[in-house]
């Protein structure tokens, strides 16, 4: 993992995510992000939910890092458990079970064909990542947004042996203990998990 920016604010990450998600899935008028309560995780969760955006993790971290993941980092990620019901979430285990090689999205996406054709996942399509919980072991990281993009990229890497390919990610590292998400996942509190100290 290569760290590109060491200090990224929660506001920057949420603004990035909202812009990306709104472009990907138009939902009507954009919210007035300037009026959002940037130091209140509960208030941010309410605004995210009202705007039909993912709440929880985005508000749960005060500080993030912008990083570049190599293939070994991607293999240490867990993905959304609804993609392969009843299977492990860790990409390293899904590769061993042959799931990654045959996967394809269950709906039309803007990224499936370009990534399959060799497009890089640049910073404008960065993943949103947090440290993994015990339930997501043996993964070190969990992809909160971008599981499909990570799967498509890993599939391309494995199919063509393109081990130099990378993906950009915003990685949450300083948790906000006022967050409902952190309160329900105490192992993610700053300083408790070893992987948070090693970011």
C-alpha atoms as a PDB file:
ATOM      1  CA  UNK A   1       0.000   0.000   0.000  1.00  0.00           C
ATOM      2  CA  UNK A   2       1.286   3.416  -0.963  1.00  0.00           C
ATOM      3  CA  UNK A   3       0.011   6.433   0.976  1.00  0.00           C
ATOM      4  CA  UNK A   4      -0.625   9.376  -1.332  1.00  0.00           C
ATOM      5  CA  UNK A   5      -2.205  11.764   1.219  1.00  0.00           C
ATOM      6  CA  UNK A   6      -1.881  11.269   4.947  1.00  0.00           C
ATOM      7  CA  UNK A   7      -4.632  13.604   6.184  1.00  0.00           C
ATOM      8  CA  UNK A   8      -7.991  13.645   4.412  1.00  0.00           C
ATOM      9  CA  UNK A   9     -11.007  15.022   6.257  1.00  0.00           C
ATOM     10  CA  UNK A  10     -14.385  13.361   6.651  1.00  0.00           C
ATOM     11  CA  UNK A  11     -15.912  16.239   4.705  1.00  0.00           C
ATOM     12  CA  UNK A  12     -13.606  15.663   1.724  1.00  0.00           C
ATOM     13  CA  UNK A  13     -14.452  11.952   1.612  1.00  0.00           C
ATOM     14  CA  UNK A  14     -18.208  12.490   1.897  1.00  0.00           C
ATOM     15  CA  UNK A  15     -18.124  15.192  -0.778  1.00  0.00           C
ATOM     16  CA  UNK A  16     -16.141  12.859  -3.051  1.00  0.00           C
ATOM     17  CA  UNK A  17     -18.526   9.960  -2.422  1.00  0.00           C
ATOM     18  CA  UNK A  18     -21.672  12.068  -2.918  1.00  0.00           C
ATOM     19  CA  UNK A  19     -20.384  13.455  -6.220  1.00  0.00           C
ATOM     20  CA  UNK A  20     -19.392   9.999  -7.470  1.00  0.00           C
ATOM     21  CA  UNK A  21     -22.646   8.360  -6.396  1.00  0.00           C
ATOM     22  CA  UNK A  22     -24.810  11.140  -7.809  1.00  0.00           C
ATOM     23  CA  UNK A  23     -23.073  10.848 -11.180  1.00  0.00           C
ATOM     24  CA  UNK A  24     -23.446   7.076 -11.135  1.00  0.00           C
ATOM     25  CA  UNK A  25     -27.078   7.012  -9.959  1.00  0.00           C
ATOM     26  CA  UNK A  26     -28.855  10.324 -10.593  1.00  0.00           C
ATOM     27  CA  UNK A  27     -31.422  10.941  -7.856  1.00  0.00           C
ATOM     28  CA  UNK A  28     -32.676  14.445  -8.551  1.00  0.00           C
ATOM     29  CA  UNK A  29     -31.286  17.703  -7.158  1.00  0.00           C
ATOM     30  CA  UNK A  30     -27.960  17.468  -5.355  1.00  0.00           C
ATOM     31  CA  UNK A  31     -28.068  18.157  -1.620  1.00  0.00           C
ATOM     32  CA  UNK A  32     -26.646  21.412  -0.247  1.00  0.00           C
ATOM     33  CA  UNK A  33     -23.506  19.897   1.269  1.00  0.00           C
ATOM     34  CA  UNK A  34     -22.351  23.283   2.556  1.00  0.00           C
ATOM     35  CA  UNK A  35     -25.130  23.123   5.157  1.00  0.00           C
ATOM     36  CA  UNK A  36     -24.188  19.672   6.480  1.00  0.00           C
ATOM     37  CA  UNK A  37     -22.997  19.325  10.126  1.00  0.00           C
ATOM     38  CA  UNK A  38     -19.443  18.171   9.427  1.00  0.00           C
ATOM     39  CA  UNK A  39     -18.486  17.561  13.060  1.00  0.00           C
ATOM     40  CA  UNK A  40     -21.649  15.646  14.003  1.00  0.00           C
ATOM     41  CA  UNK A  41     -21.648  11.968  12.956  1.00  0.00           C
ATOM     42  CA  UNK A  42     -25.326  11.533  13.865  1.00  0.00           C
ATOM     43  CA  UNK A  43     -26.321  14.583  11.879  1.00  0.00           C
ATOM     44  CA  UNK A  44     -24.215  13.437   8.938  1.00  0.00           C
ATOM     45  CA  UNK A  45     -25.863  10.005   9.022  1.00  0.00           C
ATOM     46  CA  UNK A  46     -29.278  11.681   8.863  1.00  0.00           C
ATOM     47  CA  UNK A  47     -28.246  13.848   5.916  1.00  0.00           C
ATOM     48  CA  UNK A  48     -26.696  10.892   4.075  1.00  0.00           C
ATOM     49  CA  UNK A  49     -29.855   8.810   4.575  1.00  0.00           C
ATOM     50  CA  UNK A  50     -32.123  11.665   3.459  1.00  0.00           C
ATOM     51  CA  UNK A  51     -29.981  12.036   0.331  1.00  0.00           C
ATOM     52  CA  UNK A  52     -30.197   8.281  -0.432  1.00  0.00           C
ATOM     53  CA  UNK A  53     -26.492   7.821   0.262  1.00  0.00           C
ATOM     54  CA  UNK A  54     -24.819   5.195   2.467  1.00  0.00           C
ATOM     55  CA  UNK A  55     -24.793   6.151   6.116  1.00  0.00           C
ATOM     56  CA  UNK A  56     -22.617   4.674   8.857  1.00  0.00           C
ATOM     57  CA  UNK A  57     -18.992   4.325   7.813  1.00  0.00           C
ATOM     58  CA  UNK A  58     -18.643   7.658   6.011  1.00  0.00           C
ATOM     59  CA  UNK A  59     -19.609   9.566   9.159  1.00  0.00           C
ATOM     60  CA  UNK A  60     -17.764   7.171  11.477  1.00  0.00           C
ATOM     61  CA  UNK A  61     -14.222   8.313  10.658  1.00  0.00           C
ATOM     62  CA  UNK A  62     -12.896  11.801  11.339  1.00  0.00           C
ATOM     63  CA  UNK A  63      -9.743  11.258   9.303  1.00  0.00           C
ATOM     64  CA  UNK A  64      -8.907   9.240   6.227  1.00  0.00           C
ATOM     65  CA  UNK A  65      -5.885   8.508   4.076  1.00  0.00           C
ATOM     66  CA  UNK A  66      -5.822   8.448   0.285  1.00  0.00           C
ATOM     67  CA  UNK A  67      -3.905   5.294  -0.608  1.00  0.00           C
ATOM     68  CA  UNK A  68      -3.009   3.204  -3.621  1.00  0.00           C
ATOM     69  CA  UNK A  69      -3.746  -0.496  -3.172  1.00  0.00           C
ATOM     70  CA  UNK A  70      -1.725  -3.116  -5.013  1.00  0.00           C
ATOM     71  CA  UNK A  71      -2.990  -6.624  -5.709  1.00  0.00           C
ATOM     72  CA  UNK A  72      -1.810  -7.930  -2.323  1.00  0.00           C
ATOM     73  CA  UNK A  73      -3.811  -5.190  -0.570  1.00  0.00           C
ATOM     74  CA  UNK A  74      -6.902  -5.921  -2.651  1.00  0.00           C
ATOM     75  CA  UNK A  75      -6.662  -9.599  -1.732  1.00  0.00           C
ATOM     76  CA  UNK A  76      -6.708  -8.553   1.951  1.00  0.00           C
ATOM     77  CA  UNK A  77     -10.096  -6.874   1.498  1.00  0.00           C
ATOM     78  CA  UNK A  78     -13.554  -8.161   2.348  1.00  0.00           C
ATOM     79  CA  UNK A  79     -16.536  -7.286   0.175  1.00  0.00           C
ATOM     80  CA  UNK A  80     -20.301  -6.953   0.656  1.00  0.00           C
ATOM     81  CA  UNK A  81     -21.694 -10.304   1.787  1.00  0.00           C
ATOM     82  CA  UNK A  82     -24.688 -10.080  -0.536  1.00  0.00           C
ATOM     83  CA  UNK A  83     -22.533 -10.562  -3.644  1.00  0.00           C
ATOM     84  CA  UNK A  84     -21.759 -14.208  -2.870  1.00  0.00           C
ATOM     85  CA  UNK A  85     -24.396 -15.293  -0.314  1.00  0.00           C
ATOM     86  CA  UNK A  86     -23.177 -18.073   1.960  1.00  0.00           C
ATOM     87  CA  UNK A  87     -19.553 -17.623   0.846  1.00  0.00           C
ATOM     88  CA  UNK A  88     -16.629 -15.926   2.636  1.00  0.00           C
ATOM     89  CA  UNK A  89     -16.320 -12.164   2.246  1.00  0.00           C
ATOM     90  CA  UNK A  90     -12.514 -12.075   2.021  1.00  0.00           C
ATOM     91  CA  UNK A  91     -11.322 -11.748  -1.570  1.00  0.00           C
ATOM     92  CA  UNK A  92      -8.334 -14.059  -0.934  1.00  0.00           C
ATOM     93  CA  UNK A  93     -10.752 -16.874  -0.033  1.00  0.00           C
ATOM     94  CA  UNK A  94     -13.122 -16.102  -2.895  1.00  0.00           C
ATOM     95  CA  UNK A  95     -10.197 -16.370  -5.345  1.00  0.00           C
ATOM     96  CA  UNK A  96      -9.301 -19.804  -3.983  1.00  0.00           C
ATOM     97  CA  UNK A  97     -12.919 -20.937  -4.405  1.00  0.00           C
ATOM     98  CA  UNK A  98     -12.969 -19.790  -8.040  1.00  0.00           C
ATOM     99  CA  UNK A  99     -15.684 -17.193  -7.445  1.00  0.00           C
ATOM    100  CA  UNK A 100     -13.790 -14.146  -8.729  1.00  0.00           C
ATOM    101  CA  UNK A 101     -12.956 -15.646 -12.135  1.00  0.00           C
ATOM    102  CA  UNK A 102     -16.606 -16.203 -13.098  1.00  0.00           C
ATOM    103  CA  UNK A 103     -18.270 -13.227 -11.420  1.00  0.00           C
ATOM    104  CA  UNK A 104     -20.169 -10.516 -13.280  1.00  0.00           C
ATOM    105  CA  UNK A 105     -22.446  -7.749 -11.953  1.00  0.00           C
ATOM    106  CA  UNK A 106     -26.170  -8.432 -11.685  1.00  0.00           C
ATOM    107  CA  UNK A 107     -27.084  -5.113 -13.343  1.00  0.00           C
ATOM    108  CA  UNK A 108     -25.712  -2.655 -15.896  1.00  0.00           C
ATOM    109  CA  UNK A 109     -22.824  -0.542 -14.592  1.00  0.00           C
ATOM    110  CA  UNK A 110     -20.638   2.180 -16.046  1.00  0.00           C
ATOM    111  CA  UNK A 111     -17.405   0.471 -14.912  1.00  0.00           C
ATOM    112  CA  UNK A 112     -17.760  -3.242 -15.784  1.00  0.00           C
ATOM    113  CA  UNK A 113     -16.791  -3.053 -19.459  1.00  0.00           C
ATOM    114  CA  UNK A 114     -14.044  -0.406 -19.084  1.00  0.00           C
ATOM    115  CA  UNK A 115     -12.294  -2.241 -16.228  1.00  0.00           C
ATOM    116  CA  UNK A 116     -12.586  -5.546 -18.078  1.00  0.00           C
ATOM    117  CA  UNK A 117     -11.006  -3.872 -21.100  1.00  0.00           C
ATOM    118  CA  UNK A 118      -8.020  -2.666 -19.083  1.00  0.00           C
ATOM    119  CA  UNK A 119      -9.063   0.731 -17.698  1.00  0.00           C
ATOM    120  CA  UNK A 120      -7.289   1.782 -14.514  1.00  0.00           C
ATOM    121  CA  UNK A 121      -9.248   2.576 -11.348  1.00  0.00           C
ATOM    122  CA  UNK A 122      -7.984   6.118 -10.903  1.00  0.00           C
ATOM    123  CA  UNK A 123      -8.545   8.508  -8.019  1.00  0.00           C
ATOM    124  CA  UNK A 124     -11.870   9.680  -9.490  1.00  0.00           C
ATOM    125  CA  UNK A 125     -13.268   6.181  -8.887  1.00  0.00           C
ATOM    126  CA  UNK A 126     -11.589   5.578  -5.524  1.00  0.00           C
ATOM    127  CA  UNK A 127     -12.917   2.857  -3.250  1.00  0.00           C
ATOM    128  CA  UNK A 128     -14.142   3.658   0.276  1.00  0.00           C
ATOM    129  CA  UNK A 129     -12.414   1.322   2.753  1.00  0.00           C
ATOM    130  CA  UNK A 130     -12.302   0.810   6.519  1.00  0.00           C
ATOM    131  CA  UNK A 131     -10.508  -1.663   8.810  1.00  0.00           C
ATOM    132  CA  UNK A 132     -12.213  -5.063   8.897  1.00  0.00           C
ATOM    133  CA  UNK A 133     -14.133  -6.386  11.883  1.00  0.00           C
ATOM    134  CA  UNK A 134     -13.588  -9.814  13.435  1.00  0.00           C
ATOM    135  CA  UNK A 135     -16.564 -11.139  11.450  1.00  0.00           C
ATOM    136  CA  UNK A 136     -14.781 -10.176   8.215  1.00  0.00           C
ATOM    137  CA  UNK A 137     -11.571 -12.088   9.058  1.00  0.00           C
ATOM    138  CA  UNK A 138      -9.130 -12.988   7.634  1.00  0.00           C
ATOM    139  CA  UNK A 139      -9.543  -9.725   5.725  1.00  0.00           C
ATOM    140  CA  UNK A 140      -7.600  -6.705   6.943  1.00  0.00           C
ATOM    141  CA  UNK A 141      -9.855  -4.177   5.199  1.00  0.00           C
ATOM    142  CA  UNK A 142     -13.537  -3.937   4.252  1.00  0.00           C
ATOM    143  CA  UNK A 143     -14.681  -2.212   1.048  1.00  0.00           C
ATOM    144  CA  UNK A 144     -17.620  -0.055   2.075  1.00  0.00           C
ATOM    145  CA  UNK A 145     -18.164   1.305  -1.424  1.00  0.00           C
ATOM    146  CA  UNK A 146     -16.725  -0.239  -4.574  1.00  0.00           C
ATOM    147  CA  UNK A 147     -16.925  -4.020  -4.011  1.00  0.00           C
ATOM    148  CA  UNK A 148     -17.942  -4.555  -7.625  1.00  0.00           C
ATOM    149  CA  UNK A 149     -15.151  -2.372  -8.991  1.00  0.00           C
ATOM    150  CA  UNK A 150     -12.604  -4.197  -6.838  1.00  0.00           C
ATOM    151  CA  UNK A 151     -13.917  -7.568  -8.045  1.00  0.00           C
ATOM    152  CA  UNK A 152     -13.748  -6.486 -11.693  1.00  0.00           C
ATOM    153  CA  UNK A 153     -10.203  -5.196 -11.268  1.00  0.00           C
ATOM    154  CA  UNK A 154      -9.048  -8.345  -9.452  1.00  0.00           C
ATOM    155  CA  UNK A 155     -10.638 -10.493 -12.145  1.00  0.00           C
ATOM    156  CA  UNK A 156      -8.736  -8.564 -14.832  1.00  0.00           C
ATOM    157  CA  UNK A 157      -5.459  -8.835 -12.866  1.00  0.00           C
ATOM    158  CA  UNK A 158      -5.809 -12.596 -12.438  1.00  0.00           C
ATOM    159  CA  UNK A 159      -6.968 -13.250 -15.987  1.00  0.00           C
ATOM    160  CA  UNK A 160      -4.104 -11.376 -17.636  1.00  0.00           C
ATOM    161  CA  UNK A 161      -1.403 -11.560 -14.961  1.00  0.00           C
ATOM    162  CA  UNK A 162      -1.375  -7.774 -14.659  1.00  0.00           C
ATOM    163  CA  UNK A 163       0.006  -7.711 -11.132  1.00  0.00           C
ATOM    164  CA  UNK A 164       1.149  -4.105 -11.447  1.00  0.00           C
ATOM    165  CA  UNK A 165      -2.418  -2.789 -11.551  1.00  0.00           C
ATOM    166  CA  UNK A 166      -3.582  -0.714  -8.599  1.00  0.00           C
ATOM    167  CA  UNK A 167      -6.731   0.873  -7.173  1.00  0.00           C
ATOM    168  CA  UNK A 168      -7.087   4.135  -5.289  1.00  0.00           C
ATOM    169  CA  UNK A 169      -8.944   4.100  -1.983  1.00  0.00           C
ATOM    170  CA  UNK A 170      -9.970   6.396   0.824  1.00  0.00           C
ATOM    171  CA  UNK A 171      -9.092   4.497   3.996  1.00  0.00           C
ATOM    172  CA  UNK A 172     -10.724   5.458   7.299  1.00  0.00           C
ATOM    173  CA  UNK A 173      -8.304   5.406  10.233  1.00  0.00           C
ATOM    174  CA  UNK A 174      -9.321   7.837  12.995  1.00  0.00           C
ATOM    175  CA  UNK A 175     -12.720   6.769  14.281  1.00  0.00           C
ATOM    176  CA  UNK A 176     -15.271   9.082  15.857  1.00  0.00           C
ATOM    177  CA  UNK A 177     -16.518   7.372  19.026  1.00  0.00           C
ATOM    178  CA  UNK A 178     -19.746   9.398  18.893  1.00  0.00           C
ATOM    179  CA  UNK A 179     -20.714   7.493  15.744  1.00  0.00           C
ATOM    180  CA  UNK A 180     -23.486   4.904  16.064  1.00  0.00           C
ATOM    181  CA  UNK A 181     -21.525   2.662  13.689  1.00  0.00           C
ATOM    182  CA  UNK A 182     -18.390   2.757  15.851  1.00  0.00           C
ATOM    183  CA  UNK A 183     -20.500   2.258  18.970  1.00  0.00           C
ATOM    184  CA  UNK A 184     -21.898  -0.946  17.490  1.00  0.00           C
ATOM    185  CA  UNK A 185     -18.432  -2.109  16.333  1.00  0.00           C
ATOM    186  CA  UNK A 186     -16.196  -1.355  19.363  1.00  0.00           C
ATOM    187  CA  UNK A 187     -13.230  -3.230  17.900  1.00  0.00           C
ATOM    188  CA  UNK A 188     -12.956  -0.436  15.320  1.00  0.00           C
ATOM    189  CA  UNK A 189     -12.252   2.230  17.925  1.00  0.00           C
ATOM    190  CA  UNK A 190      -8.904   3.942  17.289  1.00  0.00           C
ATOM    191  CA  UNK A 191      -6.007   2.149  18.943  1.00  0.00           C
ATOM    192  CA  UNK A 192      -7.796  -1.151  19.579  1.00  0.00           C
ATOM    193  CA  UNK A 193      -7.259  -2.998  16.308  1.00  0.00           C
ATOM    194  CA  UNK A 194      -3.653  -3.678  15.323  1.00  0.00           C
ATOM    195  CA  UNK A 195      -4.367  -2.946  11.664  1.00  0.00           C
ATOM    196  CA  UNK A 196      -5.393   0.623  12.547  1.00  0.00           C
ATOM    197  CA  UNK A 197      -2.036   1.269  14.176  1.00  0.00           C
ATOM    198  CA  UNK A 198      -0.200  -0.030  11.092  1.00  0.00           C
ATOM    199  CA  UNK A 199      -1.938   2.111   8.468  1.00  0.00           C
END
